[in-house]
């Protein structure tokens, strides 16, 4: 089971409990059943950002406190087991007076800080170890 820690914060003067920002691209999974089959266990802090793209990605026992982007191209089988990520991550900063309309509507700006990126495009089977090192299986 995946566990997410949430901490109360104030956004534009409104108290909210934010969960991690998680983007699972349709190429990764289309249904909650598929997500459950491909994502097994782990912990993600409330300040974390996770982006996963690619049909062949499987994640097990991820510990994330920061930002992680995983991209696997067509024909790539990528097994991520026991990966531990701790970095600066992405900041979601209040900006209700931004000149850009989309930022004013959203009310915040995303500032991408330190991010671990795992990108594999060459077809084949790969594993990712606890440090983020990619090895061809």
Protein backbone atom coordinates (compact mmCIF):
# COMPACT_ATOMS: atom_id res chain seq x y z
CA UNK A 1 0.00 0.00 0.00
CA UNK A 2 1.22 3.49 -0.85
CA UNK A 3 1.27 5.94 2.06
CA UNK A 4 1.18 9.70 1.68
CA UNK A 5 1.79 12.07 4.55
CA UNK A 6 -0.20 15.31 4.44
CA UNK A 7 0.50 18.45 6.40
CA UNK A 8 -1.86 21.41 6.89
CA UNK A 9 -0.78 24.66 5.21
CA UNK A 10 -2.31 28.00 4.25
CA UNK A 11 -2.88 28.87 0.58
CA UNK A 12 -4.08 32.40 -0.16
CA UNK A 13 -5.20 32.62 3.45
CA UNK A 14 -7.25 29.43 3.29
CA UNK A 15 -6.19 26.48 5.50
CA UNK A 16 -5.83 23.32 3.39
CA UNK A 17 -4.24 19.91 3.67
CA UNK A 18 -2.17 19.32 0.56
CA UNK A 19 -1.35 15.89 -0.76
CA UNK A 20 1.64 15.17 -3.04
CA UNK A 21 1.41 16.36 -6.64
CA UNK A 22 1.22 13.12 -8.62
CA UNK A 23 0.85 12.96 -12.41
CA UNK A 24 0.31 9.51 -13.90
CA UNK A 25 0.26 9.88 -17.68
CA UNK A 26 -2.30 7.76 -19.57
CA UNK A 27 0.60 5.79 -21.07
CA UNK A 28 1.38 4.55 -17.53
CA UNK A 29 -2.11 3.49 -16.47
CA UNK A 30 -5.70 4.27 -17.42
CA UNK A 31 -7.59 2.72 -14.48
CA UNK A 32 -7.12 2.55 -10.74
CA UNK A 33 -6.75 -1.22 -11.11
CA UNK A 34 -3.79 -0.70 -13.46
CA UNK A 35 -2.25 1.79 -11.03
CA UNK A 36 -2.56 -0.79 -8.24
CA UNK A 37 -0.86 -3.44 -10.37
CA UNK A 38 2.04 -1.15 -11.35
CA UNK A 39 2.53 0.82 -8.13
CA UNK A 40 3.20 -1.36 -5.07
CA UNK A 41 3.97 0.18 -1.72
CA UNK A 42 6.06 3.06 -0.59
CA UNK A 43 5.88 6.49 1.03
CA UNK A 44 5.49 9.91 -0.57
CA UNK A 45 5.72 13.11 1.49
CA UNK A 46 3.12 15.85 1.05
CA UNK A 47 5.71 18.23 -0.46
CA UNK A 48 6.64 15.73 -3.18
CA UNK A 49 6.01 15.75 -6.92
CA UNK A 50 5.91 12.53 -8.97
CA UNK A 51 5.47 12.27 -12.74
CA UNK A 52 5.31 8.81 -14.38
CA UNK A 53 5.08 8.17 -18.12
CA UNK A 54 5.33 4.84 -19.94
CA UNK A 55 3.37 1.60 -20.19
CA UNK A 56 6.28 -0.58 -19.03
CA UNK A 57 6.98 1.16 -15.72
CA UNK A 58 6.51 -0.76 -12.45
CA UNK A 59 7.27 0.87 -9.09
CA UNK A 60 7.73 -0.94 -5.79
CA UNK A 61 8.60 0.47 -2.34
CA UNK A 62 9.34 4.03 -3.48
CA UNK A 63 10.35 6.52 -0.78
CA UNK A 64 9.95 10.03 -2.17
CA UNK A 65 10.59 13.34 -0.45
CA UNK A 66 11.11 15.82 -3.29
CA UNK A 67 10.63 15.53 -7.05
CA UNK A 68 10.91 12.48 -9.30
CA UNK A 69 10.18 12.19 -13.02
CA UNK A 70 10.16 8.73 -14.64
CA UNK A 71 9.79 8.40 -18.42
CA UNK A 72 9.96 5.11 -20.31
CA UNK A 73 9.66 5.05 -24.08
CA UNK A 74 7.78 2.49 -26.19
CA UNK A 75 9.13 -1.04 -25.73
CA UNK A 76 10.84 -0.19 -22.42
CA UNK A 77 10.18 -2.36 -19.35
CA UNK A 78 11.41 -0.41 -16.32
CA UNK A 79 11.35 -1.97 -12.85
CA UNK A 80 11.88 0.57 -10.05
CA UNK A 81 12.43 -1.20 -6.69
CA UNK A 82 13.32 0.38 -3.37
CA UNK A 83 14.21 3.78 -4.86
CA UNK A 84 14.86 6.44 -2.22
CA UNK A 85 14.71 10.05 -3.36
CA UNK A 86 15.29 13.10 -1.19
CA UNK A 87 15.88 16.43 -2.90
CA UNK A 88 14.76 20.06 -3.02
CA UNK A 89 11.76 19.24 -5.21
CA UNK A 90 9.27 21.64 -6.74
CA UNK A 91 7.74 24.63 -4.97
CA UNK A 92 4.12 25.69 -5.36
CA UNK A 93 4.29 29.39 -4.48
CA UNK A 94 1.23 31.61 -4.00
CA UNK A 95 1.08 34.23 -6.79
CA UNK A 96 -2.47 35.65 -7.08
CA UNK A 97 -1.20 38.88 -8.67
CA UNK A 98 0.81 37.26 -11.47
CA UNK A 99 0.66 38.97 -14.87
CA UNK A 100 -0.23 35.67 -16.61
CA UNK A 101 -3.95 34.86 -16.48
CA UNK A 102 -3.45 31.10 -16.04
CA UNK A 103 -1.27 31.71 -12.97
CA UNK A 104 -3.81 34.16 -11.47
CA UNK A 105 -6.64 31.63 -11.99
CA UNK A 106 -4.62 28.83 -10.43
CA UNK A 107 -3.33 31.12 -7.70
CA UNK A 108 0.19 29.69 -7.59
CA UNK A 109 3.34 29.30 -9.60
CA UNK A 110 5.35 26.06 -9.92
CA UNK A 111 9.09 26.49 -9.50
CA UNK A 112 10.98 23.36 -10.49
CA UNK A 113 13.95 22.86 -8.21
CA UNK A 114 16.16 19.82 -7.85
CA UNK A 115 14.54 16.82 -9.56
CA UNK A 116 15.64 13.23 -10.05
CA UNK A 117 14.91 12.28 -13.66
CA UNK A 118 14.96 8.71 -14.93
CA UNK A 119 14.50 8.64 -18.70
CA UNK A 120 14.91 5.45 -20.74
CA UNK A 121 14.11 5.50 -24.46
CA UNK A 122 15.95 2.47 -25.90
CA UNK A 123 13.63 -0.59 -25.95
CA UNK A 124 14.57 -3.36 -23.54
CA UNK A 125 14.30 -4.39 -19.89
CA UNK A 126 15.86 -2.23 -17.19
CA UNK A 127 16.02 -2.00 -13.40
CA UNK A 128 16.47 1.04 -11.20
CA UNK A 129 18.19 0.54 -7.84
CA UNK A 130 17.75 2.42 -4.56
CA UNK A 131 20.10 5.22 -5.70
CA UNK A 132 18.42 5.79 -9.07
CA UNK A 133 21.07 4.01 -11.14
CA UNK A 134 19.59 2.39 -14.28
CA UNK A 135 20.90 -1.03 -15.30
CA UNK A 136 20.00 -3.03 -18.40
CA UNK A 137 18.49 -6.33 -17.24
